[in-house]
C-alpha atoms as a PDB file:
ATOM      1  CA  GLU A   1     111.060  79.409 190.563  1.00  0.00           C
ATOM      2  CA  PHE A   2     110.094  78.828 187.245  1.00  0.00           C
ATOM      3  CA  ARG A   3     106.625  77.389 186.689  1.00  0.00           C
ATOM      4  CA  ARG A   4     105.253  73.775 186.022  1.00  0.00           C
ATOM      5  CA  VAL A   5     104.706  73.019 182.268  1.00  0.00           C
ATOM      6  CA  LEU A   6     103.352  70.549 180.263  1.00  0.00           C
ATOM      7  CA  PHE A   7     104.721  70.184 176.936  1.00  0.00           C
ATOM      8  CA  ARG A   8     103.786  68.403 173.896  1.00  0.00           C
ATOM      9  CA  SER A   9     106.350  67.329 171.366  1.00  0.00           C
ATOM     10  CA  ARG A  10     105.473  65.009 168.357  1.00  0.00           C
ATOM     11  CA  GLU A  11     107.748  61.945 169.895  1.00  0.00           C
ATOM     12  CA  VAL A  12     106.368  62.096 173.533  1.00  0.00           C
ATOM     13  CA  GLU A  13     103.820  64.019 176.192  1.00  0.00           C
ATOM     14  CA  ARG A  14     105.897  64.867 179.376  1.00  0.00           C
ATOM     15  CA  ASP A  15     104.524  66.136 182.480  1.00  0.00           C
ATOM     16  CA  MET A  16     107.823  67.813 184.026  1.00  0.00           C
ATOM     17  CA  GLU A  17     107.991  70.370 186.792  1.00  0.00           C
ATOM     18  CA  VAL A  18     111.002  72.844 186.577  1.00  0.00           C
ATOM     19  CA  ASP A  19     112.670  74.688 189.233  1.00  0.00           C
ATOM     20  CA  ILE A  20     115.522  76.884 188.230  1.00  0.00           C
ATOM     21  CA  ALA A  21     117.302  79.539 190.872  1.00  0.00           C
ATOM     22  CA  VAL A  22     120.155  81.758 189.547  1.00  0.00           C
ATOM     23  CA  ARG A  23     121.754  84.784 190.739  1.00  0.00           C
ATOM     24  CA  TRP A  24     124.623  86.600 189.192  1.00  0.00           C
ATOM     25  CA  GLY A  25     127.601  87.867 191.679  1.00  0.00           C
ATOM     26  CA  ASN A  26     130.767  90.113 190.896  1.00  0.00           C
ATOM     27  CA  GLY A  27     132.721  87.281 190.716  1.00  0.00           C
ATOM     28  CA  TYR A  28     134.029  85.035 188.170  1.00  0.00           C
ATOM     29  CA  GLU A  29     133.453  81.582 189.343  1.00  0.00           C
ATOM     30  CA  ASN A  30     130.398  79.599 188.438  1.00  0.00           C
ATOM     31  CA  THR A  31     128.229  77.245 190.346  1.00  0.00           C
ATOM     32  CA  VAL A  32     125.734  75.078 188.455  1.00  0.00           C
ATOM     33  CA  ARG A  33     124.005  72.614 190.570  1.00  0.00           C
ATOM     34  CA  SER A  34     121.305  70.366 188.847  1.00  0.00           C
ATOM     35  CA  PHE A  35     118.918  67.466 190.172  1.00  0.00           C
ATOM     36  CA  VAL A  36     116.395  65.203 188.839  1.00  0.00           C
ATOM     37  CA  ASN A  37     114.018  63.948 191.396  1.00  0.00           C
ATOM     38  CA  ILE A  38     115.873  65.211 193.982  1.00  0.00           C
ATOM     39  CA  ILE A  39     119.057  62.894 192.592  1.00  0.00           C
ATOM     40  CA  ALA A  40     121.826  65.039 192.227  1.00  0.00           C
ATOM     41  CA  THR A  41     123.210  65.065 188.784  1.00  0.00           C
ATOM     42  CA  PRO A  42     126.764  66.186 188.971  1.00  0.00           C
ATOM     43  CA  LYS A  43     127.923  65.604 185.228  1.00  0.00           C
ATOM     44  CA  GLY A  44     124.643  67.595 184.316  1.00  0.00           C
ATOM     45  CA  GLY A  45     122.624  66.226 181.084  1.00  0.00           C
ATOM     46  CA  THR A  46     119.615  67.041 178.936  1.00  0.00           C
ATOM     47  CA  HIS A  47     117.933  69.448 181.693  1.00  0.00           C
ATOM     48  CA  VAL A  48     121.628  71.479 181.895  1.00  0.00           C
ATOM     49  CA  GLN A  49     121.978  71.798 178.132  1.00  0.00           C
ATOM     50  CA  GLY A  50     118.519  72.817 177.739  1.00  0.00           C
ATOM     51  CA  PHE A  51     119.579  75.753 180.565  1.00  0.00           C
ATOM     52  CA  GLU A  52     122.822  76.551 178.821  1.00  0.00           C
ATOM     53  CA  ARG A  53     121.465  76.864 174.990  1.00  0.00           C
ATOM     54  CA  ALA A  54     118.438  78.974 176.366  1.00  0.00           C
ATOM     55  CA  LEU A  55     120.679  81.320 178.621  1.00  0.00           C
ATOM     56  CA  THR A  56     123.191  81.763 175.282  1.00  0.00           C
ATOM     57  CA  LYS A  57     120.406  82.315 172.850  1.00  0.00           C
ATOM     58  CA  THR A  58     118.188  84.328 175.319  1.00  0.00           C
ATOM     59  CA  PHE A  59     121.044  86.761 176.130  1.00  0.00           C
ATOM     60  CA  ASN A  60     122.298  87.376 172.492  1.00  0.00           C
ATOM     61  CA  GLU A  61     118.736  88.412 171.520  1.00  0.00           C
ATOM     62  CA  PHE A  62     118.310  90.647 174.222  1.00  0.00           C
ATOM     63  CA  LEU A  63     122.240  91.967 174.155  1.00  0.00           C
ATOM     64  CA  ARG A  64     121.481  93.297 170.644  1.00  0.00           C
ATOM     65  CA  SER A  65     117.893  94.515 170.842  1.00  0.00           C
ATOM     66  CA  SER A  66     119.129  96.641 173.909  1.00  0.00           C
ATOM     67  CA  GLY A  67     122.176  97.909 172.272  1.00  0.00           C
ATOM     68  CA  THR A  68     124.291  96.871 174.805  1.00  0.00           C
ATOM     69  CA  LEU A  69     126.241  94.701 172.047  1.00  0.00           C
ATOM     70  CA  LYS A  70     126.868  96.585 168.721  1.00  0.00           C
ATOM     71  CA  LYS A  71     126.442  95.384 165.038  1.00  0.00           C
ATOM     72  CA  ASN A  72     130.261  94.640 164.719  1.00  0.00           C
ATOM     73  CA  GLU A  73     130.561  92.842 168.318  1.00  0.00           C
ATOM     74  CA  GLN A  74     130.624  88.994 168.263  1.00  0.00           C
ATOM     75  CA  ASP A  75     128.150  87.431 170.157  1.00  0.00           C
ATOM     76  CA  VAL A  76     128.308  86.198 173.520  1.00  0.00           C
ATOM     77  CA  ILE A  77     129.619  82.401 174.628  1.00  0.00           C
ATOM     78  CA  LYS A  78     128.120  80.125 177.050  1.00  0.00           C
ATOM     79  CA  ASP A  79     131.178  81.103 179.467  1.00  0.00           C
ATOM     80  CA  ASP A  80     130.479  84.760 179.070  1.00  0.00           C
ATOM     81  CA  ILE A  81     126.583  84.018 181.063  1.00  0.00           C
ATOM     82  CA  LEU A  82     127.680  81.626 183.393  1.00  0.00           C
ATOM     83  CA  GLU A  83     130.904  84.017 184.646  1.00  0.00           C
ATOM     84  CA  GLY A  84     129.743  84.878 188.376  1.00  0.00           C
ATOM     85  CA  LEU A  85     126.478  82.655 188.037  1.00  0.00           C
ATOM     86  CA  THR A  86     125.325  80.851 190.701  1.00  0.00           C
ATOM     87  CA  ALA A  87     122.536  77.938 189.337  1.00  0.00           C
ATOM     88  CA  VAL A  88     120.149  75.328 190.932  1.00  0.00           C
ATOM     89  CA  ILE A  89     118.423  73.132 188.001  1.00  0.00           C
ATOM     90  CA  THR A  90     115.839  70.876 189.678  1.00  0.00           C
ATOM     91  CA  VAL A  91     113.473  68.687 187.198  1.00  0.00           C
ATOM     92  CA  ARG A  92     110.806  66.364 188.587  1.00  0.00           C
ATOM     93  CA  LEU A  93     109.263  63.705 186.014  1.00  0.00           C
ATOM     94  CA  GLN A  94     108.221  60.343 185.939  1.00  0.00           C
ATOM     95  CA  GLU A  95     110.530  57.678 184.743  1.00  0.00           C
ATOM     96  CA  PRO A  96     113.741  59.807 183.895  1.00  0.00           C
ATOM     97  CA  GLN A  97     116.165  58.394 181.558  1.00  0.00           C
ATOM     98  CA  PHE A  98     119.746  58.260 182.976  1.00  0.00           C
ATOM     99  CA  GLU A  99     123.125  57.830 180.890  1.00  0.00           C
ATOM    100  CA  GLY A 100     124.404  54.833 183.076  1.00  0.00           C
ATOM    101  CA  GLN A 101     124.477  53.173 186.186  1.00  0.00           C
ATOM    102  CA  THR A 102     125.421  55.910 188.627  1.00  0.00           C
ATOM    103  CA  LYS A 103     122.623  58.352 187.491  1.00  0.00           C
ATOM    104  CA  GLU A 104     125.203  61.185 187.119  1.00  0.00           C
ATOM    105  CA  VAL A 105     123.614  62.355 183.692  1.00  0.00           C
ATOM    106  CA  LEU A 106     120.289  62.906 182.649  1.00  0.00           C
ATOM    107  CA  GLY A 107     119.595  61.550 179.591  1.00  0.00           C
ATOM    108  CA  THR A 108     115.549  62.447 178.805  1.00  0.00           C
ATOM    109  CA  PRO A 109     115.652  63.999 175.277  1.00  0.00           C
ATOM    110  CA  ALA A 110     112.586  65.615 176.057  1.00  0.00           C
ATOM    111  CA  ALA A 111     113.969  67.234 179.174  1.00  0.00           C
ATOM    112  CA  LEU A 112     116.433  69.482 176.814  1.00  0.00           C
ATOM    113  CA  LYS A 113     113.031  71.403 174.960  1.00  0.00           C
ATOM    114  CA  ILE A 114     111.338  71.557 177.879  1.00  0.00           C
ATOM    115  CA  VAL A 115     113.809  73.274 179.923  1.00  0.00           C
ATOM    116  CA  GLN A 116     115.337  75.134 177.173  1.00  0.00           C
ATOM    117  CA  GLN A 117     111.699  76.663 176.682  1.00  0.00           C
ATOM    118  CA  VAL A 118     110.925  77.537 180.199  1.00  0.00           C
ATOM    119  CA  VAL A 119     114.361  79.091 180.887  1.00  0.00           C
ATOM    120  CA  SER A 120     113.711  81.231 177.752  1.00  0.00           C
ATOM    121  CA  ASP A 121     110.316  82.210 178.550  1.00  0.00           C
ATOM    122  CA  GLU A 122     111.205  83.394 182.198  1.00  0.00           C
ATOM    123  CA  LEU A 123     114.482  85.128 180.876  1.00  0.00           C
ATOM    124  CA  LYS A 124     112.133  87.133 178.370  1.00  0.00           C
ATOM    125  CA  ARG A 125     109.564  88.027 181.020  1.00  0.00           C
ATOM    126  CA  PHE A 126     112.507  89.053 183.426  1.00  0.00           C
ATOM    127  CA  PHE A 127     114.020  91.375 180.705  1.00  0.00           C
ATOM    128  CA  THR A 128     110.941  92.996 179.541  1.00  0.00           C
ATOM    129  CA  SER A 129     109.389  93.426 182.886  1.00  0.00           C
ATOM    130  CA  SER A 130     108.010  96.844 183.801  1.00  0.00           C
ATOM    131  CA  LYS A 131     109.055  96.883 187.461  1.00  0.00           C
ATOM    132  CA  ARG A 132     111.944  99.173 187.995  1.00  0.00           C
ATOM    133  CA  ILE A 133     113.859  96.751 190.451  1.00  0.00           C
ATOM    134  CA  ASP A 134     113.868  94.057 187.394  1.00  0.00           C
ATOM    135  CA  LYS A 135     114.836  96.516 184.982  1.00  0.00           C
ATOM    136  CA  ALA A 136     117.819  97.642 186.880  1.00  0.00           C
ATOM    137  CA  THR A 137     119.087  94.498 187.529  1.00  0.00           C
ATOM    138  CA  GLY A 138     118.379  93.021 184.081  1.00  0.00           C
ATOM    139  CA  ARG A 139     120.616  95.967 182.605  1.00  0.00           C
ATOM    140  CA  LEU A 140     123.327  95.141 185.121  1.00  0.00           C
ATOM    141  CA  VAL A 141     122.997  91.761 184.368  1.00  0.00           C
ATOM    142  CA  LEU A 142     123.391  91.991 180.634  1.00  0.00           C
ATOM    143  CA  GLU A 143     126.079  94.639 180.988  1.00  0.00           C
ATOM    144  CA  LYS A 144     128.118  92.164 182.989  1.00  0.00           C
ATOM    145  CA  VAL A 145     127.705  89.680 180.314  1.00  0.00           C
ATOM    146  CA  ALA A 146     128.823  91.578 177.603  1.00  0.00           C
ATOM    147  CA  ASN A 147     131.805  93.116 179.718  1.00  0.00           C
ATOM    148  CA  ALA A 148     132.683  89.188 179.910  1.00  0.00           C
ATOM    149  CA  SER A 149     132.674  89.026 176.585  1.00  0.00           C
ATOM    150  CA  ARG A 150     134.836  91.965 175.488  1.00  0.00           C
ATOM    151  CA  THR A 151     137.369  91.072 178.146  1.00  0.00           C
ATOM    152  CA  ARG A 152     137.377  87.312 176.705  1.00  0.00           C
ATOM    153  CA  ILE A 153     137.690  88.784 173.164  1.00  0.00           C
ATOM    154  CA  SER A 154     140.426  91.542 173.916  1.00  0.00           C
ATOM    155  CA  ALA A 155     142.700  88.741 175.933  1.00  0.00           C
ATOM    156  CA  ARG A 156     142.540  86.342 173.097  1.00  0.00           C
ATOM    157  CA  ALA A 157     143.392  89.121 170.821  1.00  0.00           C
ATOM    158  CA  HIS A 158     146.390  90.403 172.952  1.00  0.00           C
ATOM    159  CA  LYS A 159     147.357  86.889 173.278  1.00  0.00           C
ATOM    160  CA  ASP A 160     147.409  86.505 169.665  1.00  0.00           C
ATOM    161  CA  ARG A 161     149.123  89.579 168.872  1.00  0.00           C
ATOM    162  CA  LYS A 162     151.837  87.915 171.704  1.00  0.00           C
ATOM    163  CA  SER A 163     152.183  84.573 169.969  1.00  0.00           C
ATOM    164  CA  THR A 164     152.539  86.529 166.636  1.00  0.00           C
ATOM    165  CA  ARG A 165     155.541  88.622 167.571  1.00  0.00           C
ATOM    166  CA  LEU A 166     156.884  85.788 169.277  1.00  0.00           C
ATOM    167  CA  ASN A 167     156.719  83.581 166.366  1.00  0.00           C
ATOM    168  CA  SER A 168     158.320  86.370 164.234  1.00  0.00           C
ATOM    169  CA  SER A 169     161.093  86.895 166.505  1.00  0.00           C
ATOM    170  CA  HIS A 170     161.844  82.989 166.311  1.00  0.00           C
ATOM    171  CA  LEU A 171     162.023  83.356 162.481  1.00  0.00           C
ATOM    172  CA  VAL A 172     164.517  86.184 162.687  1.00  0.00           C
ATOM    173  CA  ILE A 173     166.479  84.240 165.400  1.00  0.00           C
ATOM    174  CA  SER A 174     166.492  80.681 163.072  1.00  0.00           C
ATOM    175  CA  TYR A 175     167.358  82.917 160.203  1.00  0.00           C
ATOM    176  CA  ALA A 176     170.137  84.352 161.970  1.00  0.00           C
ATOM    177  CA  VAL A 177     171.268  80.802 163.324  1.00  0.00           C
ATOM    178  CA  PHE A 178     171.139  79.607 159.454  1.00  0.00           C
ATOM    179  CA  CYS A 179     173.122  82.276 158.286  1.00  0.00           C
ATOM    180  CA  LEU A 180     175.943  81.990 160.818  1.00  0.00           C
ATOM    181  CA  LYS A 181     175.995  78.167 159.853  1.00  0.00           C
ATOM    182  CA  LYS A 182     177.025  78.911 156.308  1.00  0.00           C
END
């Protein structure tokens, strides 16, 4: 559970509670549920965007600094991090702004910055913890994300090589058909 935060920005001062629970499993499916003042936001919104941005930025920082990702490897993307993740994002704030009448998407701009800052701070605290269990768990999560990225990149390269071979064989067949028509 993350802490209560008072965030001051130039535009507005907001008092917002942010609670986030995360757990990575061995699978590939992800589940992210979000709520605003106990109202489900199945299509997400600014609070989920802040969560995802903080995950991506913080994971890339720690993957590089820990040496889990080498200099020549590409940065991980959101999908690599979300693989196997179960998360519940809950924010409580006065006068939330929703997009549309159905309240399925939070549109409060300040929520993005607040959630992003809280998630970033808490992930940094977790990855730099001196507790042995946190270190081991953090290392496992970083390795899982790095491996997901490597698998995605390898699969894309394999697909590109395969489509290149198919395209070149198509050219040979087209050329042969053209020669036969003469």
